[in-house]
Amino acid sequence: MLDLSLPTGLRDLLPDHSAHLAELSGRLQRVFASFGYRRLFLPTLERLDVVERGLSAAALADVMKFVEPGSGEVVAIRPDITPQIARLYAARPDALPSPARLCYDGPVLRAREARAGRPREVYQAGVELLGVGGPKQDAEALVVLARALARVGLGHAVIEVGHARFAAAAIEAAGLPKQGHADAWDALARKDEGALTRLAARGRGVREAREALPRLAGLYGDRALQRARAFARAVPACAPALAEVEAALKLARRQGLGEVAVDLGEARGLGYYTGITFAGYAPGAGAAVAAGGRYDELLGRFGRPGPAIGFGIDLEFATQALERKRHPAKARKAASAASRRR
């Protein structure tokens, strides 16, 4: 008998759901266009060597790859759209002069489920600003994200801002052994101050940096920036990253950005990020509805060096948050049923 089920982690999207995702993407694209971003359509397949240039070693473990029958080349199904845009930007400087404001939507596919029940195929919409950097562009990305979320009904989402180099500079200044770096990132992901204290005792850096390291776990929430300033006085290597965050927030607030959360001890998969990072969280979504940041080293891997910043919005999680916002009682019932099944 023919098995009509799909491979693990994949699913069909029925007409109502598909229409909702299409409408959501259309609204986002209109916001992106209003800021001067031009839409791209990109292929699902890329040469594996191109994908390898754009991803971290950890991310490469989630790449679906195979030998193409016609050419014998090893190709990959895209697990991320940003490296594709970096490749195109390097390949077509004639069509994409700097600065380039580009936007996209489409699916990405991972080889494995990130966690049980999380689809392997994810539909995204996002923007990339290539070839220009600085606080003005960091602020632009934050404002575009906030306007986009508000336009689709997620104005209540919390945008959380961090920086890829703040925690990294603190860990380096503490002089942790090589293995201690990975342990420190794991501890930060758990906000485990005790584990950071134990790791700091093994460090060989300056005393002030070792003593400050455990405080990284608490650099979020109320008065996070104020506490980060005190931290940076103890660990001066963190000061440039903090200054970039504060400069971007100052400019973005002048353009109408509302309140944001700050987490400078963030250990979320930073991947290719080199500067300011941000994520959007909405009640009712199973994970962040948006994520992005500055990635100034990625373009150089493809032969056209330059600064860049961008973000992607997860259309499925955004839809989930909107559905639960509109029908809270139904959402609680579904969550309760799922809990009983587990």
Protein backbone atom coordinates (compact mmCIF):
# COMPACT_ATOMS: atom_id res chain seq x y z
CA MET A 1 0.00 0.00 0.00
CA LEU A 2 1.35 3.43 -0.93
CA ASP A 3 2.49 5.49 2.06
CA LEU A 4 1.14 9.01 1.51
CA SER A 5 2.87 10.54 4.53
CA LEU A 6 5.64 13.13 4.18
CA PRO A 7 9.24 12.83 5.37
CA THR A 8 9.81 13.77 9.02
CA GLY A 9 9.64 17.49 9.67
CA LEU A 10 7.82 18.37 6.43
CA ARG A 11 4.16 19.18 5.96
CA ASP A 12 1.58 20.36 3.48
CA LEU A 13 0.09 23.81 3.90
CA LEU A 14 -3.63 23.77 3.12
CA PRO A 15 -5.37 26.61 1.24
CA ASP A 16 -6.41 28.74 4.26
CA HIS A 17 -2.97 28.50 5.86
CA SER A 18 -1.22 29.13 2.55
CA ALA A 19 -3.37 32.20 1.91
CA HIS A 20 -2.54 33.56 5.35
CA LEU A 21 1.21 33.14 4.80
CA ALA A 22 0.96 34.76 1.36
CA GLU A 23 -0.96 37.72 2.78
CA LEU A 24 1.54 38.11 5.62
CA SER A 25 4.47 38.04 3.20
CA GLY A 26 2.77 40.57 0.94
CA ARG A 27 2.32 43.04 3.80
CA LEU A 28 5.95 42.64 4.80
CA GLN A 29 7.17 43.18 1.24
CA ARG A 30 5.19 46.42 1.02
CA VAL A 31 6.88 47.71 4.18
CA PHE A 32 10.30 46.71 2.86
CA ALA A 33 9.59 48.46 -0.47
CA SER A 34 8.58 51.64 1.36
CA PHE A 35 12.15 51.83 2.72
CA GLY A 36 13.68 51.30 -0.72
CA TYR A 37 14.34 47.55 -0.55
CA ARG A 38 14.03 45.71 -3.90
CA ARG A 39 12.68 42.18 -4.05
CA LEU A 40 14.74 39.17 -5.20
CA PHE A 41 13.75 35.62 -6.14
CA LEU A 42 16.56 33.14 -5.54
CA PRO A 43 17.03 29.46 -6.50
CA THR A 44 16.44 26.68 -4.01
CA LEU A 45 19.70 24.91 -4.94
CA GLU A 46 23.26 26.21 -4.60
CA ARG A 47 26.65 24.62 -5.17
CA LEU A 48 27.86 23.13 -1.90
CA ASP A 49 31.15 25.05 -2.01
CA VAL A 50 29.15 28.31 -2.13
CA VAL A 51 27.01 27.27 0.83
CA GLU A 52 30.10 26.24 2.78
CA ARG A 53 31.57 29.73 2.43
CA GLY A 54 28.50 31.31 3.99
CA LEU A 55 27.82 29.11 7.01
CA SER A 56 29.51 28.13 10.24
CA ALA A 57 30.72 24.56 10.75
CA ALA A 58 27.80 23.91 13.11
CA ALA A 59 25.26 25.18 10.57
CA LEU A 60 26.74 23.01 7.82
CA ALA A 61 25.63 19.92 9.74
CA ASP A 62 22.05 20.90 8.88
CA VAL A 63 22.59 21.17 5.12
CA MET A 64 20.76 18.81 2.74
CA LYS A 65 23.23 17.94 -0.03
CA PHE A 66 23.40 15.50 -2.93
CA VAL A 67 25.18 14.84 -6.23
CA GLU A 68 23.35 16.39 -9.17
CA PRO A 69 22.70 13.66 -11.77
CA GLY A 70 23.40 15.80 -14.85
CA SER A 71 26.62 17.56 -13.84
CA GLY A 72 28.01 15.39 -11.07
CA GLU A 73 28.38 18.51 -8.91
CA VAL A 74 27.60 18.40 -5.21
CA VAL A 75 24.73 20.80 -4.58
CA ALA A 76 22.79 21.82 -1.48
CA ILE A 77 19.26 22.89 -0.72
CA ARG A 78 19.54 26.32 0.84
CA PRO A 79 19.40 26.32 4.65
CA ASP A 80 19.69 30.13 4.78
CA ILE A 81 19.00 32.89 2.25
CA THR A 82 21.54 35.50 3.44
CA PRO A 83 24.61 33.67 2.01
CA GLN A 84 22.78 33.39 -1.32
CA ILE A 85 22.33 37.15 -1.40
CA ALA A 86 26.00 37.61 -0.52
CA ARG A 87 26.94 35.34 -3.45
CA LEU A 88 24.70 37.27 -5.87
CA TYR A 89 26.00 40.63 -4.63
CA ALA A 90 29.57 39.49 -5.34
CA ALA A 91 28.69 37.98 -8.71
CA ARG A 92 26.68 40.93 -10.09
CA PRO A 93 28.19 44.28 -9.07
CA ASP A 94 26.86 45.67 -12.36
CA ALA A 95 23.25 44.98 -11.35
CA LEU A 96 23.71 45.52 -7.60
CA PRO A 97 25.81 48.65 -6.98
CA SER A 98 26.66 49.58 -3.43
CA PRO A 99 24.74 50.21 -1.27
CA ALA A 100 22.20 47.54 -2.19
CA ARG A 101 18.88 47.29 -0.35
CA LEU A 102 17.38 43.89 -1.10
CA CYS A 103 14.43 41.91 0.23
CA TYR A 104 13.19 38.36 -0.28
CA ASP A 105 10.78 35.68 0.77
CA GLY A 106 10.80 31.92 0.37
CA PRO A 107 11.47 28.60 2.08
CA VAL A 108 14.70 27.26 3.56
CA LEU A 109 15.25 23.61 4.41
CA ARG A 110 17.33 22.02 7.16
CA ALA A 111 18.46 18.38 7.26
CA ARG A 112 17.23 17.88 10.82
CA GLU A 113 14.56 19.21 13.12
CA ALA A 114 15.96 21.89 15.43
CA ARG A 115 13.71 20.33 18.06
CA ALA A 116 10.78 17.94 18.12
CA GLY A 117 7.79 19.38 16.29
CA ARG A 118 9.75 22.22 14.65
CA PRO A 119 9.35 22.04 10.85
CA ARG A 120 12.52 21.49 8.85
CA GLU A 121 11.17 23.68 6.06
CA VAL A 122 10.75 27.27 7.19
CA TYR A 123 9.20 30.15 5.25
CA GLN A 124 11.00 33.46 5.70
CA ALA A 125 10.79 37.07 4.56
CA GLY A 126 13.56 39.54 5.19
CA VAL A 127 15.88 42.32 4.12
CA GLU A 128 19.61 42.79 3.56
CA LEU A 129 21.46 46.12 3.39
CA LEU A 130 24.83 45.52 1.70
CA GLY A 131 27.89 47.67 1.15
CA VAL A 132 27.40 50.32 3.82
CA GLY A 133 27.83 50.18 7.60
CA GLY A 134 27.67 52.20 10.77
CA PRO A 135 25.13 53.23 13.39
CA LYS A 136 22.82 54.86 10.84
CA GLN A 137 22.37 51.55 9.01
CA ASP A 138 22.08 49.59 12.27
CA ALA A 139 19.28 51.97 13.27
CA GLU A 140 17.61 51.58 9.87
CA ALA A 141 17.47 47.79 10.26
CA LEU A 142 15.88 48.13 13.70
CA VAL A 143 13.29 50.62 12.46
CA VAL A 144 12.40 48.53 9.39
CA LEU A 145 11.94 45.46 11.60
CA ALA A 146 9.74 47.33 14.07
CA ARG A 147 7.59 48.82 11.28
CA ALA A 148 7.26 45.45 9.56
CA LEU A 149 6.12 43.69 12.74
CA ALA A 150 3.66 46.48 13.49
CA ARG A 151 2.27 46.35 9.94
CA VAL A 152 1.32 42.69 10.24
CA GLY A 153 -0.26 43.10 13.68
CA LEU A 154 2.72 42.27 15.88
CA GLY A 155 3.40 45.75 17.22
CA HIS A 156 3.33 44.20 20.70
CA ALA A 157 6.38 42.05 19.89
CA VAL A 158 9.49 42.76 21.94
CA ILE A 159 12.66 43.53 19.99
CA GLU A 160 15.72 42.36 21.89
CA VAL A 161 19.07 43.93 20.99
CA GLY A 162 22.54 42.56 21.67
CA HIS A 163 26.00 42.53 20.14
CA ALA A 164 28.02 39.60 18.82
CA ARG A 165 31.34 40.95 20.14
CA PHE A 166 30.38 42.09 23.65
CA ALA A 167 30.33 38.69 25.35
CA ALA A 168 33.13 37.40 23.11
CA ALA A 169 35.39 40.27 24.21
CA ALA A 170 34.62 39.58 27.88
CA ILE A 171 35.40 35.86 27.54
CA GLU A 172 38.64 36.66 25.72
CA ALA A 173 39.67 39.23 28.33
CA ALA A 174 39.11 36.70 31.12
CA GLY A 175 41.77 34.50 29.55
CA LEU A 176 39.79 31.27 29.60
CA PRO A 177 41.45 28.15 28.19
CA LYS A 178 40.31 27.05 24.74
CA GLN A 179 37.75 24.53 26.01
CA GLY A 180 36.56 27.12 28.51
CA HIS A 181 35.26 29.29 25.65
CA ALA A 182 32.70 26.69 24.59
CA ASP A 183 31.75 26.08 28.22
CA ALA A 184 31.27 29.82 28.76
CA TRP A 185 28.91 30.09 25.77
CA ASP A 186 26.93 27.13 27.09
CA ALA A 187 26.70 28.78 30.52
CA LEU A 188 25.58 32.06 28.95
CA ALA A 189 22.85 30.25 27.02
CA ARG A 190 21.53 29.03 30.41
CA LYS A 191 22.19 32.38 32.16
CA ASP A 192 24.22 30.31 34.63
CA GLU A 193 26.18 32.76 36.75
CA GLY A 194 27.56 30.00 38.98
CA ALA A 195 29.10 28.14 36.04
CA LEU A 196 30.68 31.38 34.80
CA THR A 197 32.14 31.97 38.26
CA ARG A 198 33.78 28.55 38.20
CA LEU A 199 35.10 29.12 34.69
CA ALA A 200 36.48 32.56 35.62
CA ALA A 201 38.55 30.93 38.37
CA ARG A 202 40.41 29.03 35.64
CA GLY A 203 41.09 32.16 33.60
CA ARG A 204 44.47 33.81 33.15
CA GLY A 205 43.28 37.24 32.13
CA VAL A 206 43.37 40.43 34.16
CA ARG A 207 41.68 40.20 37.56
CA GLU A 208 38.97 42.75 36.73
CA ALA A 209 37.89 40.79 33.66
CA ARG A 210 37.80 37.48 35.55
CA GLU A 211 35.77 39.00 38.37
CA ALA A 212 33.35 40.61 35.94
CA LEU A 213 32.73 37.54 33.78
CA PRO A 214 29.88 36.04 35.89
CA ARG A 215 27.96 39.31 35.57
CA LEU A 216 27.55 38.66 31.84
CA ALA A 217 24.70 36.31 32.70
CA GLY A 218 22.69 39.20 34.14
CA LEU A 219 23.19 41.85 31.47
CA TYR A 220 19.55 41.87 30.38
CA GLY A 221 16.25 43.27 31.57
CA ASP A 222 15.72 46.52 33.48
CA ARG A 223 18.66 48.95 33.38
CA ALA A 224 20.72 46.50 31.29
CA LEU A 225 22.53 49.32 29.49
CA GLN A 226 23.40 51.02 32.77
CA ARG A 227 24.86 47.77 34.12
CA ALA A 228 26.66 47.17 30.81
CA ARG A 229 28.40 50.55 31.12
CA ALA A 230 29.74 49.53 34.54
CA PHE A 231 30.79 46.18 33.07
CA ALA A 232 32.64 47.89 30.21
CA ARG A 233 34.55 50.07 32.67
CA ALA A 234 35.85 46.87 34.26
CA VAL A 235 36.45 45.19 30.88
CA PRO A 236 37.41 47.97 28.42
CA ALA A 237 37.51 45.51 25.51
CA CYS A 238 33.69 45.46 25.66
CA ALA A 239 33.34 49.25 25.34
CA PRO A 240 33.38 49.45 21.48
CA ALA A 241 30.54 46.95 21.15
CA LEU A 242 28.48 48.75 23.77
CA ALA A 243 29.07 52.07 22.01
CA GLU A 244 27.75 50.61 18.74
CA VAL A 245 24.57 49.40 20.43
CA GLU A 246 23.95 52.73 22.16
CA ALA A 247 24.61 54.74 18.98
CA ALA A 248 22.16 52.60 16.97
CA LEU A 249 19.45 52.82 19.62
CA LYS A 250 19.84 56.60 19.90
CA LEU A 251 19.36 57.07 16.16
CA ALA A 252 16.53 54.53 15.91
CA ARG A 253 14.60 56.21 18.72
CA ARG A 254 14.80 59.51 16.84
CA GLN A 255 13.02 57.69 14.00
CA GLY A 256 10.24 56.46 16.23
CA LEU A 257 11.54 53.14 17.54
CA GLY A 258 9.74 52.28 20.77
CA GLU A 259 11.07 50.48 23.79
CA VAL A 260 13.41 47.56 23.20
CA ALA A 261 14.95 44.94 25.47
CA VAL A 262 18.73 44.66 25.73
CA ASP A 263 20.68 41.45 26.33
CA LEU A 264 24.44 41.80 26.04
CA GLY A 265 25.07 38.30 27.37
CA GLU A 266 23.14 36.74 24.50
CA ALA A 267 24.53 33.43 23.29
CA ARG A 268 21.95 32.75 20.57
CA GLY A 269 23.51 31.12 17.48
CA LEU A 270 25.54 34.11 16.42
CA GLY A 271 26.95 32.34 13.34
CA TYR A 272 28.39 34.94 10.97
CA TYR A 273 27.33 37.99 13.01
CA THR A 274 30.04 40.52 13.83
CA GLY A 275 28.16 43.47 15.35
CA ILE A 276 24.74 44.46 16.61
CA THR A 277 22.22 41.60 16.75
CA PHE A 278 18.48 41.64 17.33
CA ALA A 279 15.49 39.33 17.58
CA GLY A 280 11.73 39.79 17.81
CA TYR A 281 9.64 37.89 20.35
CA ALA A 282 5.84 37.81 20.30
CA PRO A 283 3.55 36.14 22.88
CA GLY A 284 2.12 32.90 21.53
CA ALA A 285 4.99 32.08 19.16
CA GLY A 286 7.08 29.00 19.84
CA ALA A 287 10.33 30.88 19.22
CA ALA A 288 11.61 34.21 17.91
CA VAL A 289 9.47 35.59 15.08
CA ALA A 290 12.48 37.49 13.69
CA ALA A 291 16.26 37.48 14.00
CA GLY A 292 19.16 39.29 12.39
CA GLY A 293 22.19 41.46 12.82
CA ARG A 294 25.38 42.84 11.32
CA TYR A 295 27.67 40.47 9.40
CA ASP A 296 30.57 42.53 8.06
CA GLU A 297 32.84 39.58 7.23
CA LEU A 298 30.49 37.48 5.12
CA LEU A 299 30.65 39.47 1.87
CA GLY A 300 34.43 39.19 1.78
CA ARG A 301 34.18 35.40 1.70
CA PHE A 302 32.53 35.75 -1.71
CA GLY A 303 35.07 38.22 -3.11
CA ARG A 304 33.34 41.57 -2.64
CA PRO A 305 34.22 42.77 0.87
CA GLY A 306 31.98 45.25 2.63
CA PRO A 307 29.72 45.76 5.61
CA ALA A 308 26.22 44.30 5.70
CA ILE A 309 23.21 43.97 7.99
CA GLY A 310 19.84 42.25 7.69
CA PHE A 311 17.13 40.18 9.30
CA GLY A 312 14.64 37.45 8.53
CA ILE A 313 11.07 37.03 9.79
CA ASP A 314 9.76 33.50 10.34
CA LEU A 315 6.33 33.58 8.69
CA GLU A 316 5.12 30.47 10.48
CA PHE A 317 5.94 31.75 13.97
CA ALA A 318 4.52 35.16 13.06
CA THR A 319 1.29 33.47 11.94
CA GLN A 320 1.24 31.43 15.14
CA ALA A 321 1.55 34.57 17.28
CA LEU A 322 -1.18 36.35 15.31
CA GLU A 323 -3.56 33.39 15.59
CA ARG A 324 -3.09 33.18 19.34
CA LYS A 325 -3.51 36.92 19.67
CA ARG A 326 -6.86 36.76 17.84
CA HIS A 327 -8.15 33.60 19.54
CA PRO A 328 -6.52 33.31 23.00
CA ALA A 329 -9.04 30.77 24.34
CA LYS A 330 -8.53 28.50 21.34
CA ALA A 331 -4.76 28.85 21.70
CA ARG A 332 -4.87 27.87 25.39
CA LYS A 333 -6.96 24.82 24.55
CA ALA A 334 -4.52 23.73 21.83
CA ALA A 335 -1.52 24.27 24.12
CA SER A 336 -3.20 22.21 26.86
CA ALA A 337 -3.93 19.38 24.42
CA ALA A 338 -0.33 19.41 23.18
CA SER A 339 0.92 19.30 26.77
CA ARG A 340 -1.21 16.23 27.49
CA ARG A 341 0.13 14.49 24.37
CA ARG A 342 3.68 15.07 25.56
